[in-house]
């Protein structure tokens, strides 16, 4: 398993939205679904603790870099 690193922006968003590293890494490693994003990134979606998370990350050769984390009470897809 590759290590997970966090961009400063992602850490700030996680703190603002009260999202833990465990929830973030769970979304990356075991998403409900995922889809490609811009610039070679991936969006991973996971319903956890009564909320819907979207984790945007980029996979490099030796680690996974989390770009941002978004949270909603409603699903991202309807």
PDB file of N, CA and C in Angstrom:
ATOM      1  N   UNK A   1       0.828  -1.192   0.000  1.00  0.00           N
ATOM      2  CA  UNK A   1       0.000   0.000   0.000  1.00  0.00           C
ATOM      3  C   UNK A   1       0.874   1.257   0.000  1.00  0.00           C
ATOM      4  N   UNK A   2       0.496   2.189  -0.836  1.00  0.00           N
ATOM      5  CA  UNK A   2       1.224   3.461  -0.899  1.00  0.00           C
ATOM      6  C   UNK A   2       0.834   4.338   0.294  1.00  0.00           C
ATOM      7  N   UNK A   3       1.777   5.153   0.720  1.00  0.00           N
ATOM      8  CA  UNK A   3       1.473   6.087   1.804  1.00  0.00           C
ATOM      9  C   UNK A   3       0.602   7.219   1.265  1.00  0.00           C
ATOM     10  N   UNK A   4      -0.149   7.835   2.164  1.00  0.00           N
ATOM     11  CA  UNK A   4      -1.039   8.930   1.788  1.00  0.00           C
ATOM     12  C   UNK A   4      -0.462  10.221   2.364  1.00  0.00           C
ATOM     13  N   UNK A   5      -0.295  11.216   1.503  1.00  0.00           N
ATOM     14  CA  UNK A   5       0.176  12.537   1.916  1.00  0.00           C
ATOM     15  C   UNK A   5      -0.936  13.533   1.638  1.00  0.00           C
ATOM     16  N   UNK A   6      -0.890  14.642   2.357  1.00  0.00           N
ATOM     17  CA  UNK A   6      -1.965  15.622   2.275  1.00  0.00           C
ATOM     18  C   UNK A   6      -1.423  16.988   1.872  1.00  0.00           C
ATOM     19  N   UNK A   7      -2.019  17.563   0.842  1.00  0.00           N
ATOM     20  CA  UNK A   7      -1.742  18.936   0.437  1.00  0.00           C
ATOM     21  C   UNK A   7      -2.224  19.860   1.566  1.00  0.00           C
ATOM     22  N   UNK A   8      -1.616  21.008   1.710  1.00  0.00           N
ATOM     23  CA  UNK A   8      -2.009  21.963   2.752  1.00  0.00           C
ATOM     24  C   UNK A   8      -3.491  22.332   2.616  1.00  0.00           C
ATOM     25  N   UNK A   9      -3.948  22.505   1.384  1.00  0.00           N
ATOM     26  CA  UNK A   9      -5.356  22.814   1.123  1.00  0.00           C
ATOM     27  C   UNK A   9      -6.261  21.700   1.650  1.00  0.00           C
ATOM     28  N   UNK A  10      -5.890  20.448   1.403  1.00  0.00           N
ATOM     29  CA  UNK A  10      -6.692  19.306   1.858  1.00  0.00           C
ATOM     30  C   UNK A  10      -6.766  19.278   3.384  1.00  0.00           C
ATOM     31  N   UNK A  11      -5.646  19.485   4.053  1.00  0.00           N
ATOM     32  CA  UNK A  11      -5.623  19.490   5.521  1.00  0.00           C
ATOM     33  C   UNK A  11      -6.549  20.576   6.075  1.00  0.00           C
ATOM     34  N   UNK A  12      -6.515  21.742   5.449  1.00  0.00           N
ATOM     35  CA  UNK A  12      -7.357  22.851   5.889  1.00  0.00           C
ATOM     36  C   UNK A  12      -8.839  22.506   5.694  1.00  0.00           C
ATOM     37  N   UNK A  13      -9.172  21.956   4.543  1.00  0.00           N
ATOM     38  CA  UNK A  13     -10.570  21.578   4.268  1.00  0.00           C
ATOM     39  C   UNK A  13     -11.043  20.476   5.211  1.00  0.00           C
ATOM     40  N   UNK A  14     -10.189  19.517   5.491  1.00  0.00           N
ATOM     41  CA  UNK A  14     -10.555  18.435   6.417  1.00  0.00           C
ATOM     42  C   UNK A  14     -10.843  19.001   7.807  1.00  0.00           C
ATOM     43  N   UNK A  15     -10.032  19.930   8.247  1.00  0.00           N
ATOM     44  CA  UNK A  15     -10.241  20.534   9.558  1.00  0.00           C
ATOM     45  C   UNK A  15     -11.540  21.341   9.584  1.00  0.00           C
ATOM     46  N   UNK A  16     -11.786  22.136   8.539  1.00  0.00           N
ATOM     47  CA  UNK A  16     -13.017  22.929   8.456  1.00  0.00           C
ATOM     48  C   UNK A  16     -14.259  22.061   8.460  1.00  0.00           C
ATOM     49  N   UNK A  17     -14.170  20.894   7.826  1.00  0.00           N
ATOM     50  CA  UNK A  17     -15.336  20.029   7.628  1.00  0.00           C
ATOM     51  C   UNK A  17     -15.365  18.859   8.599  1.00  0.00           C
ATOM     52  N   UNK A  18     -14.436  18.842   9.541  1.00  0.00           N
ATOM     53  CA  UNK A  18     -14.374  17.799  10.560  1.00  0.00           C
ATOM     54  C   UNK A  18     -14.329  16.400   9.934  1.00  0.00           C
ATOM     55  N   UNK A  19     -13.433  16.238   8.970  1.00  0.00           N
ATOM     56  CA  UNK A  19     -13.219  14.955   8.300  1.00  0.00           C
ATOM     57  C   UNK A  19     -11.869  14.406   8.770  1.00  0.00           C
ATOM     58  N   UNK A  20     -11.861  13.157   9.186  1.00  0.00           N
ATOM     59  CA  UNK A  20     -10.640  12.560   9.717  1.00  0.00           C
ATOM     60  C   UNK A  20      -9.779  11.965   8.603  1.00  0.00           C
ATOM     61  N   UNK A  21      -8.513  11.711   8.920  1.00  0.00           N
ATOM     62  CA  UNK A  21      -7.635  11.019   7.977  1.00  0.00           C
ATOM     63  C   UNK A  21      -8.159   9.614   7.719  1.00  0.00           C
ATOM     64  N   UNK A  22      -8.712   8.969   8.732  1.00  0.00           N
ATOM     65  CA  UNK A  22      -9.269   7.627   8.558  1.00  0.00           C
ATOM     66  C   UNK A  22     -10.392   7.648   7.522  1.00  0.00           C
ATOM     67  N   UNK A  23     -11.314   8.603   7.622  1.00  0.00           N
ATOM     68  CA  UNK A  23     -12.420   8.700   6.655  1.00  0.00           C
ATOM     69  C   UNK A  23     -11.892   8.968   5.256  1.00  0.00           C
ATOM     70  N   UNK A  24     -10.911   9.861   5.163  1.00  0.00           N
ATOM     71  CA  UNK A  24     -10.329  10.206   3.871  1.00  0.00           C
ATOM     72  C   UNK A  24      -9.659   9.005   3.228  1.00  0.00           C
ATOM     73  N   UNK A  25      -8.842   8.304   3.987  1.00  0.00           N
ATOM     74  CA  UNK A  25      -8.132   7.150   3.446  1.00  0.00           C
ATOM     75  C   UNK A  25      -9.082   5.998   3.141  1.00  0.00           C
ATOM     76  N   UNK A  26     -10.148   5.867   3.911  1.00  0.00           N
ATOM     77  CA  UNK A  26     -11.160   4.850   3.630  1.00  0.00           C
ATOM     78  C   UNK A  26     -11.836   5.128   2.291  1.00  0.00           C
ATOM     79  N   UNK A  27     -12.115   6.403   2.003  1.00  0.00           N
ATOM     80  CA  UNK A  27     -12.730   6.772   0.716  1.00  0.00           C
ATOM     81  C   UNK A  27     -11.790   6.451  -0.441  1.00  0.00           C
ATOM     82  N   UNK A  28     -10.491   6.667  -0.236  1.00  0.00           N
ATOM     83  CA  UNK A  28      -9.519   6.401  -1.296  1.00  0.00           C
ATOM     84  C   UNK A  28      -9.352   4.906  -1.531  1.00  0.00           C
ATOM     85  N   UNK A  29      -9.194   4.153  -0.463  1.00  0.00           N
ATOM     86  CA  UNK A  29      -8.874   2.719  -0.573  1.00  0.00           C
ATOM     87  C   UNK A  29     -10.097   1.837  -0.833  1.00  0.00           C
ATOM     88  N   UNK A  30     -11.280   2.305  -0.408  1.00  0.00           N
ATOM     89  CA  UNK A  30     -12.490   1.502  -0.577  1.00  0.00           C
ATOM     90  C   UNK A  30     -13.681   2.411  -0.896  1.00  0.00           C
ATOM     91  N   UNK A  31     -13.655   3.086  -2.056  1.00  0.00           N
ATOM     92  CA  UNK A  31     -14.733   4.038  -2.389  1.00  0.00           C
ATOM     93  C   UNK A  31     -16.034   3.330  -2.755  1.00  0.00           C
ATOM     94  N   UNK A  32     -17.148   4.038  -2.573  1.00  0.00           N
ATOM     95  CA  UNK A  32     -18.429   3.536  -3.078  1.00  0.00           C
ATOM     96  C   UNK A  32     -18.405   3.578  -4.600  1.00  0.00           C
ATOM     97  N   UNK A  33     -17.809   4.625  -5.142  1.00  0.00           N
ATOM     98  CA  UNK A  33     -17.504   4.711  -6.569  1.00  0.00           C
ATOM     99  C   UNK A  33     -16.438   5.778  -6.768  1.00  0.00           C
ATOM    100  N   UNK A  34     -15.802   5.746  -7.909  1.00  0.00           N
ATOM    101  CA  UNK A  34     -14.777   6.747  -8.220  1.00  0.00           C
ATOM    102  C   UNK A  34     -14.851   7.083  -9.700  1.00  0.00           C
ATOM    103  N   UNK A  35     -14.253   8.226 -10.052  1.00  0.00           N
ATOM    104  CA  UNK A  35     -14.251   8.650 -11.445  1.00  0.00           C
ATOM    105  C   UNK A  35     -13.020   9.503 -11.706  1.00  0.00           C
ATOM    106  N   UNK A  36     -12.542   9.514 -12.935  1.00  0.00           N
ATOM    107  CA  UNK A  36     -11.401  10.367 -13.276  1.00  0.00           C
ATOM    108  C   UNK A  36     -11.779  11.837 -13.173  1.00  0.00           C
ATOM    109  N   UNK A  37     -10.799  12.652 -12.859  1.00  0.00           N
ATOM    110  CA  UNK A  37     -10.991  14.096 -12.760  1.00  0.00           C
ATOM    111  C   UNK A  37      -9.961  14.778 -13.663  1.00  0.00           C
ATOM    112  N   UNK A  38      -9.799  16.064 -13.505  1.00  0.00           N
ATOM    113  CA  UNK A  38      -8.849  16.807 -14.340  1.00  0.00           C
ATOM    114  C   UNK A  38      -7.412  16.568 -13.888  1.00  0.00           C
ATOM    115  N   UNK A  39      -6.472  16.827 -14.776  1.00  0.00           N
ATOM    116  CA  UNK A  39      -5.034  16.783 -14.491  1.00  0.00           C
ATOM    117  C   UNK A  39      -4.571  15.448 -13.913  1.00  0.00           C
ATOM    118  N   UNK A  40      -5.171  14.352 -14.361  1.00  0.00           N
ATOM    119  CA  UNK A  40      -4.756  13.028 -13.910  1.00  0.00           C
ATOM    120  C   UNK A  40      -5.187  12.680 -12.493  1.00  0.00           C
ATOM    121  N   UNK A  41      -6.108  13.429 -11.962  1.00  0.00           N
ATOM    122  CA  UNK A  41      -6.610  13.187 -10.606  1.00  0.00           C
ATOM    123  C   UNK A  41      -7.785  12.230 -10.632  1.00  0.00           C
ATOM    124  N   UNK A  42      -8.171  11.759  -9.446  1.00  0.00           N
ATOM    125  CA  UNK A  42      -9.317  10.876  -9.286  1.00  0.00           C
ATOM    126  C   UNK A  42     -10.202  11.423  -8.183  1.00  0.00           C
ATOM    127  N   UNK A  43     -11.513  11.320  -8.382  1.00  0.00           N
ATOM    128  CA  UNK A  43     -12.486  11.636  -7.333  1.00  0.00           C
ATOM    129  C   UNK A  43     -13.004  10.327  -6.770  1.00  0.00           C
ATOM    130  N   UNK A  44     -12.855  10.144  -5.460  1.00  0.00           N
ATOM    131  CA  UNK A  44     -13.382   8.961  -4.774  1.00  0.00           C
ATOM    132  C   UNK A  44     -14.550   9.412  -3.904  1.00  0.00           C
ATOM    133  N   UNK A  45     -15.662   8.685  -3.987  1.00  0.00           N
ATOM    134  CA  UNK A  45     -16.874   9.036  -3.251  1.00  0.00           C
ATOM    135  C   UNK A  45     -17.176   7.953  -2.230  1.00  0.00           C
ATOM    136  N   UNK A  46     -17.574   8.369  -1.028  1.00  0.00           N
ATOM    137  CA  UNK A  46     -17.866   7.410   0.031  1.00  0.00           C
ATOM    138  C   UNK A  46     -18.910   8.003   0.967  1.00  0.00           C
ATOM    139  N   UNK A  47     -19.918   7.179   1.328  1.00  0.00           N
ATOM    140  CA  UNK A  47     -20.887   7.571   2.346  1.00  0.00           C
ATOM    141  C   UNK A  47     -20.384   7.022   3.668  1.00  0.00           C
ATOM    142  N   UNK A  48     -20.105   7.919   4.607  1.00  0.00           N
ATOM    143  CA  UNK A  48     -19.567   7.502   5.902  1.00  0.00           C
ATOM    144  C   UNK A  48     -20.050   8.442   6.994  1.00  0.00           C
ATOM    145  N   UNK A  49     -20.398   7.886   8.126  1.00  0.00           N
ATOM    146  CA  UNK A  49     -20.847   8.672   9.287  1.00  0.00           C
ATOM    147  C   UNK A  49     -21.975   9.642   8.948  1.00  0.00           C
ATOM    148  N   UNK A  50     -22.907   9.196   8.103  1.00  0.00           N
ATOM    149  CA  UNK A  50     -24.082   9.998   7.779  1.00  0.00           C
ATOM    150  C   UNK A  50     -23.844  11.147   6.830  1.00  0.00           C
ATOM    151  N   UNK A  51     -22.713  11.129   6.138  1.00  0.00           N
ATOM    152  CA  UNK A  51     -22.421  12.201   5.177  1.00  0.00           C
ATOM    153  C   UNK A  51     -21.693  11.631   3.968  1.00  0.00           C
ATOM    154  N   UNK A  52     -21.761  12.375   2.884  1.00  0.00           N
ATOM    155  CA  UNK A  52     -21.160  11.953   1.624  1.00  0.00           C
ATOM    156  C   UNK A  52     -19.848  12.702   1.434  1.00  0.00           C
ATOM    157  N   UNK A  53     -18.777  11.960   1.240  1.00  0.00           N
ATOM    158  CA  UNK A  53     -17.464  12.559   1.030  1.00  0.00           C
ATOM    159  C   UNK A  53     -17.037  12.420  -0.417  1.00  0.00           C
ATOM    160  N   UNK A  54     -16.344  13.433  -0.897  1.00  0.00           N
ATOM    161  CA  UNK A  54     -15.646  13.354  -2.179  1.00  0.00           C
ATOM    162  C   UNK A  54     -14.193  13.716  -1.876  1.00  0.00           C
ATOM    163  N   UNK A  55     -13.299  12.794  -2.185  1.00  0.00           N
ATOM    164  CA  UNK A  55     -11.875  13.013  -1.971  1.00  0.00           C
ATOM    165  C   UNK A  55     -11.214  13.075  -3.345  1.00  0.00           C
ATOM    166  N   UNK A  56     -10.561  14.188  -3.633  1.00  0.00           N
ATOM    167  CA  UNK A  56      -9.834  14.340  -4.889  1.00  0.00           C
ATOM    168  C   UNK A  56      -8.362  14.108  -4.596  1.00  0.00           C
ATOM    169  N   UNK A  57      -7.772  13.159  -5.332  1.00  0.00           N
ATOM    170  CA  UNK A  57      -6.382  12.803  -5.083  1.00  0.00           C
ATOM    171  C   UNK A  57      -5.658  12.481  -6.378  1.00  0.00           C
ATOM    172  N   UNK A  58      -4.337  12.464  -6.284  1.00  0.00           N
ATOM    173  CA  UNK A  58      -3.492  12.088  -7.416  1.00  0.00           C
ATOM    174  C   UNK A  58      -2.549  10.998  -6.948  1.00  0.00           C
ATOM    175  N   UNK A  59      -2.458   9.939  -7.734  1.00  0.00           N
ATOM    176  CA  UNK A  59      -1.589   8.821  -7.388  1.00  0.00           C
ATOM    177  C   UNK A  59      -0.255   8.981  -8.098  1.00  0.00           C
ATOM    178  N   UNK A  60       0.812   9.080  -7.318  1.00  0.00           N
ATOM    179  CA  UNK A  60       2.164   9.152  -7.845  1.00  0.00           C
ATOM    180  C   UNK A  60       2.817   7.778  -7.714  1.00  0.00           C
ATOM    181  N   UNK A  61       4.039   7.640  -8.177  1.00  0.00           N
ATOM    182  CA  UNK A  61       4.729   6.351  -8.160  1.00  0.00           C
ATOM    183  C   UNK A  61       4.891   5.793  -6.752  1.00  0.00           C
ATOM    184  N   UNK A  62       5.166   6.661  -5.773  1.00  0.00           N
ATOM    185  CA  UNK A  62       5.459   6.158  -4.425  1.00  0.00           C
ATOM    186  C   UNK A  62       4.457   6.576  -3.349  1.00  0.00           C
ATOM    187  N   UNK A  63       3.494   7.444  -3.676  1.00  0.00           N
ATOM    188  CA  UNK A  63       2.508   7.856  -2.680  1.00  0.00           C
ATOM    189  C   UNK A  63       1.233   8.364  -3.354  1.00  0.00           C
ATOM    190  N   UNK A  64       0.223   8.606  -2.525  1.00  0.00           N
ATOM    191  CA  UNK A  64      -1.044   9.188  -2.958  1.00  0.00           C
ATOM    192  C   UNK A  64      -1.122  10.577  -2.336  1.00  0.00           C
ATOM    193  N   UNK A  65      -1.378  11.594  -3.155  1.00  0.00           N
ATOM    194  CA  UNK A  65      -1.475  12.968  -2.669  1.00  0.00           C
ATOM    195  C   UNK A  65      -2.940  13.398  -2.679  1.00  0.00           C
ATOM    196  N   UNK A  66      -3.466  13.715  -1.495  1.00  0.00           N
ATOM    197  CA  UNK A  66      -4.842  14.199  -1.379  1.00  0.00           C
ATOM    198  C   UNK A  66      -4.840  15.694  -1.684  1.00  0.00           C
ATOM    199  N   UNK A  67      -5.667  16.086  -2.650  1.00  0.00           N
ATOM    200  CA  UNK A  67      -5.744  17.474  -3.100  1.00  0.00           C
ATOM    201  C   UNK A  67      -6.786  18.253  -2.299  1.00  0.00           C
ATOM    202  N   UNK A  68      -7.990  17.687  -2.169  1.00  0.00           N
ATOM    203  CA  UNK A  68      -9.056  18.346  -1.409  1.00  0.00           C
ATOM    204  C   UNK A  68     -10.085  17.323  -0.955  1.00  0.00           C
ATOM    205  N   UNK A  69     -10.896  17.724   0.015  1.00  0.00           N
ATOM    206  CA  UNK A  69     -11.962  16.885   0.557  1.00  0.00           C
ATOM    207  C   UNK A  69     -13.220  17.743   0.647  1.00  0.00           C
ATOM    208  N   UNK A  70     -14.320  17.220   0.102  1.00  0.00           N
ATOM    209  CA  UNK A  70     -15.598  17.910   0.119  1.00  0.00           C
ATOM    210  C   UNK A  70     -16.620  17.017   0.807  1.00  0.00           C
ATOM    211  N   UNK A  71     -17.590  17.622   1.489  1.00  0.00           N
ATOM    212  CA  UNK A  71     -18.585  16.853   2.216  1.00  0.00           C
ATOM    213  C   UNK A  71     -19.973  17.423   1.936  1.00  0.00           C
ATOM    214  N   UNK A  72     -20.949  16.524   1.840  1.00  0.00           N
ATOM    215  CA  UNK A  72     -22.350  16.924   1.671  1.00  0.00           C
ATOM    216  C   UNK A  72     -23.241  16.014   2.498  1.00  0.00           C
ATOM    217  N   UNK A  73     -24.428  16.503   2.805  1.00  0.00           N
ATOM    218  CA  UNK A  73     -25.418  15.648   3.452  1.00  0.00           C
ATOM    219  C   UNK A  73     -26.214  14.862   2.418  1.00  0.00           C
ATOM    220  N   UNK A  74     -26.280  15.402   1.187  1.00  0.00           N
ATOM    221  CA  UNK A  74     -26.956  14.719   0.082  1.00  0.00           C
ATOM    222  C   UNK A  74     -25.909  14.117  -0.839  1.00  0.00           C
ATOM    223  N   UNK A  75     -26.265  13.085  -1.586  1.00  0.00           N
ATOM    224  CA  UNK A  75     -25.285  12.463  -2.511  1.00  0.00           C
ATOM    225  C   UNK A  75     -24.786  13.439  -3.567  1.00  0.00           C
ATOM    226  N   UNK A  76     -23.578  13.188  -4.041  1.00  0.00           N
ATOM    227  CA  UNK A  76     -23.008  14.017  -5.114  1.00  0.00           C
ATOM    228  C   UNK A  76     -23.697  13.717  -6.437  1.00  0.00           C
ATOM    229  N   UNK A  77     -24.196  12.495  -6.572  1.00  0.00           N
ATOM    230  CA  UNK A  77     -24.947  12.105  -7.764  1.00  0.00           C
ATOM    231  C   UNK A  77     -26.381  11.833  -7.353  1.00  0.00           C
ATOM    232  N   UNK A  78     -27.301  12.303  -8.168  1.00  0.00           N
ATOM    233  CA  UNK A  78     -28.707  12.132  -7.802  1.00  0.00           C
ATOM    234  C   UNK A  78     -29.298  11.041  -8.529  1.00  0.00           C
TER     235      UNK A  78
END
